[in-house]
Amino acid sequence: MYAIVETGGKQYKVSVDEQINVEKLEANIGDKVNLKVLMVVDGDSVKAGDAAKKSVVEAEVVEHGKDKKIVVFKYKAKKNYRRTQGHRQPYTTLKIVSIK
């Protein structure tokens, strides 16, 4: 059994006891959050649309963190223009507790 959920503008395929990294959520560690369900697959049974909205995917916040640093480098040829900037994307790790 698995479900397709949406959070932070992205879609994730999740199953029970799986951990995923999503865009940072404003929730404390240990809190339970409900995710927006787009589709649920249970064997040969597929629920999508309005039928899937009745389903609930419950997840627990495990930790907050930051991804690896990426370097943004801007450059214009022959103009002596160079700019360097770093970025670390914050994320939240969720553990899927149940799909109902």
C-alpha atoms as a PDB file:
ATOM      1  CA  MET A   1       0.000   0.000   0.000  1.00  0.00           C
ATOM      2  CA  TYR A   2       1.287   3.429  -0.919  1.00  0.00           C
ATOM      3  CA  ALA A   3      -0.011   6.952  -1.427  1.00  0.00           C
ATOM      4  CA  ILE A   4       0.902  10.014  -3.446  1.00  0.00           C
ATOM      5  CA  VAL A   5       0.908  13.109  -1.205  1.00  0.00           C
ATOM      6  CA  GLU A   6       1.583  16.793  -1.801  1.00  0.00           C
ATOM      7  CA  THR A   7       3.455  19.157   0.476  1.00  0.00           C
ATOM      8  CA  GLY A   8       5.538  22.221  -0.227  1.00  0.00           C
ATOM      9  CA  GLY A   9       4.456  22.277  -3.868  1.00  0.00           C
ATOM     10  CA  LYS A  10       5.983  18.855  -4.551  1.00  0.00           C
ATOM     11  CA  GLN A  11       4.522  15.351  -4.773  1.00  0.00           C
ATOM     12  CA  TYR A  12       5.941  12.318  -2.965  1.00  0.00           C
ATOM     13  CA  LYS A  13       5.240   8.580  -3.144  1.00  0.00           C
ATOM     14  CA  VAL A  14       5.072   7.333   0.456  1.00  0.00           C
ATOM     15  CA  SER A  15       4.373   4.109   2.312  1.00  0.00           C
ATOM     16  CA  VAL A  16       4.101   3.289   6.017  1.00  0.00           C
ATOM     17  CA  ASP A  17       7.334   3.519   8.115  1.00  0.00           C
ATOM     18  CA  GLU A  18       9.135   5.436   5.346  1.00  0.00           C
ATOM     19  CA  GLN A  19      11.077   8.650   6.023  1.00  0.00           C
ATOM     20  CA  ILE A  20      11.057  11.533   3.544  1.00  0.00           C
ATOM     21  CA  ASN A  21      12.642  14.992   3.430  1.00  0.00           C
ATOM     22  CA  VAL A  22      10.167  17.744   2.516  1.00  0.00           C
ATOM     23  CA  GLU A  23      10.213  21.536   2.409  1.00  0.00           C
ATOM     24  CA  LYS A  24      10.504  22.986   5.916  1.00  0.00           C
ATOM     25  CA  LEU A  25       7.256  22.778   7.914  1.00  0.00           C
ATOM     26  CA  GLU A  26       6.357  24.970  10.882  1.00  0.00           C
ATOM     27  CA  ALA A  27       5.938  22.080  13.316  1.00  0.00           C
ATOM     28  CA  ASN A  28       7.870  20.928  16.354  1.00  0.00           C
ATOM     29  CA  ILE A  29       9.768  17.647  16.554  1.00  0.00           C
ATOM     30  CA  GLY A  30       7.377  14.878  17.589  1.00  0.00           C
ATOM     31  CA  ASP A  31       4.274  16.636  16.230  1.00  0.00           C
ATOM     32  CA  LYS A  32       1.866  14.733  13.974  1.00  0.00           C
ATOM     33  CA  VAL A  33       0.908  16.336  10.656  1.00  0.00           C
ATOM     34  CA  ASN A  34      -1.675  15.321   8.055  1.00  0.00           C
ATOM     35  CA  LEU A  35      -0.592  15.480   4.428  1.00  0.00           C
ATOM     36  CA  LYS A  36      -2.764  16.276   1.408  1.00  0.00           C
ATOM     37  CA  VAL A  37      -3.565  12.983  -0.364  1.00  0.00           C
ATOM     38  CA  LEU A  38      -3.760  12.866  -4.168  1.00  0.00           C
ATOM     39  CA  MET A  39      -3.916   9.098  -4.759  1.00  0.00           C
ATOM     40  CA  VAL A  40      -3.991   5.859  -2.736  1.00  0.00           C
ATOM     41  CA  VAL A  41      -3.037   2.435  -4.143  1.00  0.00           C
ATOM     42  CA  ASP A  42      -3.859  -0.744  -2.200  1.00  0.00           C
ATOM     43  CA  GLY A  43      -3.098  -3.825  -4.291  1.00  0.00           C
ATOM     44  CA  ASP A  44      -5.390  -3.595  -7.343  1.00  0.00           C
ATOM     45  CA  SER A  45      -7.548  -0.870  -5.773  1.00  0.00           C
ATOM     46  CA  VAL A  46      -6.737   2.695  -6.854  1.00  0.00           C
ATOM     47  CA  LYS A  47      -8.429   5.739  -5.340  1.00  0.00           C
ATOM     48  CA  ALA A  48      -7.865   9.168  -6.859  1.00  0.00           C
ATOM     49  CA  GLY A  49      -9.595  12.548  -6.935  1.00  0.00           C
ATOM     50  CA  ASP A  50     -12.466  13.013  -4.482  1.00  0.00           C
ATOM     51  CA  ALA A  51     -12.206   9.413  -3.228  1.00  0.00           C
ATOM     52  CA  ALA A  52      -8.558   9.965  -2.269  1.00  0.00           C
ATOM     53  CA  LYS A  53      -9.319  13.225  -0.435  1.00  0.00           C
ATOM     54  CA  LYS A  54     -11.252  11.193   2.150  1.00  0.00           C
ATOM     55  CA  SER A  55      -8.051   9.271   2.940  1.00  0.00           C
ATOM     56  CA  VAL A  56      -5.623  10.481   5.590  1.00  0.00           C
ATOM     57  CA  VAL A  57      -1.837  10.169   5.601  1.00  0.00           C
ATOM     58  CA  GLU A  58      -0.444  10.890   9.050  1.00  0.00           C
ATOM     59  CA  ALA A  59       3.252  11.688   9.504  1.00  0.00           C
ATOM     60  CA  GLU A  60       5.442  12.486  12.493  1.00  0.00           C
ATOM     61  CA  VAL A  61       8.142  15.180  12.436  1.00  0.00           C
ATOM     62  CA  VAL A  62      11.506  13.526  13.104  1.00  0.00           C
ATOM     63  CA  GLU A  63      13.954  16.403  12.612  1.00  0.00           C
ATOM     64  CA  HIS A  64      14.701  19.722  10.945  1.00  0.00           C
ATOM     65  CA  GLY A  65      17.909  20.408   9.064  1.00  0.00           C
ATOM     66  CA  LYS A  66      19.661  21.952   6.091  1.00  0.00           C
ATOM     67  CA  ASP A  67      20.778  20.287   2.850  1.00  0.00           C
ATOM     68  CA  LYS A  68      24.299  20.398   1.504  1.00  0.00           C
ATOM     69  CA  LYS A  69      25.554  23.788   0.377  1.00  0.00           C
ATOM     70  CA  ILE A  70      25.275  24.699  -3.280  1.00  0.00           C
ATOM     71  CA  VAL A  71      27.325  27.455  -4.889  1.00  0.00           C
ATOM     72  CA  VAL A  72      25.621  29.982  -7.158  1.00  0.00           C
ATOM     73  CA  PHE A  73      28.210  31.579  -9.445  1.00  0.00           C
ATOM     74  CA  LYS A  74      27.319  34.433 -11.801  1.00  0.00           C
ATOM     75  CA  TYR A  75      29.746  35.325 -14.573  1.00  0.00           C
ATOM     76  CA  LYS A  76      29.778  37.611 -17.585  1.00  0.00           C
ATOM     77  CA  ALA A  77      32.493  37.091 -20.168  1.00  0.00           C
ATOM     78  CA  LYS A  78      34.904  39.953 -20.899  1.00  0.00           C
ATOM     79  CA  LYS A  79      33.271  42.268 -18.308  1.00  0.00           C
ATOM     80  CA  ASN A  80      35.214  41.236 -15.165  1.00  0.00           C
ATOM     81  CA  TYR A  81      31.871  40.432 -13.459  1.00  0.00           C
ATOM     82  CA  ARG A  82      31.883  37.552 -10.994  1.00  0.00           C
ATOM     83  CA  ARG A  83      29.549  36.969  -8.037  1.00  0.00           C
ATOM     84  CA  THR A  84      29.514  33.970  -5.727  1.00  0.00           C
ATOM     85  CA  GLN A  85      26.662  33.099  -3.403  1.00  0.00           C
ATOM     86  CA  GLY A  86      25.937  30.001  -1.315  1.00  0.00           C
ATOM     87  CA  HIS A  87      22.600  28.448  -0.374  1.00  0.00           C
ATOM     88  CA  ARG A  88      21.468  25.707   2.016  1.00  0.00           C
ATOM     89  CA  GLN A  89      17.832  24.645   1.677  1.00  0.00           C
ATOM     90  CA  PRO A  90      16.046  23.946   4.985  1.00  0.00           C
ATOM     91  CA  TYR A  91      14.060  20.708   5.190  1.00  0.00           C
ATOM     92  CA  THR A  92      11.923  18.665   7.551  1.00  0.00           C
ATOM     93  CA  THR A  93      12.229  14.888   7.870  1.00  0.00           C
ATOM     94  CA  LEU A  94       8.865  13.118   8.203  1.00  0.00           C
ATOM     95  CA  LYS A  95       8.174   9.515   9.184  1.00  0.00           C
ATOM     96  CA  ILE A  96       4.948   8.156   7.702  1.00  0.00           C
ATOM     97  CA  VAL A  97       2.915   6.670  10.565  1.00  0.00           C
ATOM     98  CA  SER A  98      -0.278   5.563   8.835  1.00  0.00           C
ATOM     99  CA  ILE A  99      -2.320   5.607   5.640  1.00  0.00           C
ATOM    100  CA  LYS A 100      -6.068   5.372   6.343  1.00  0.00           C
END
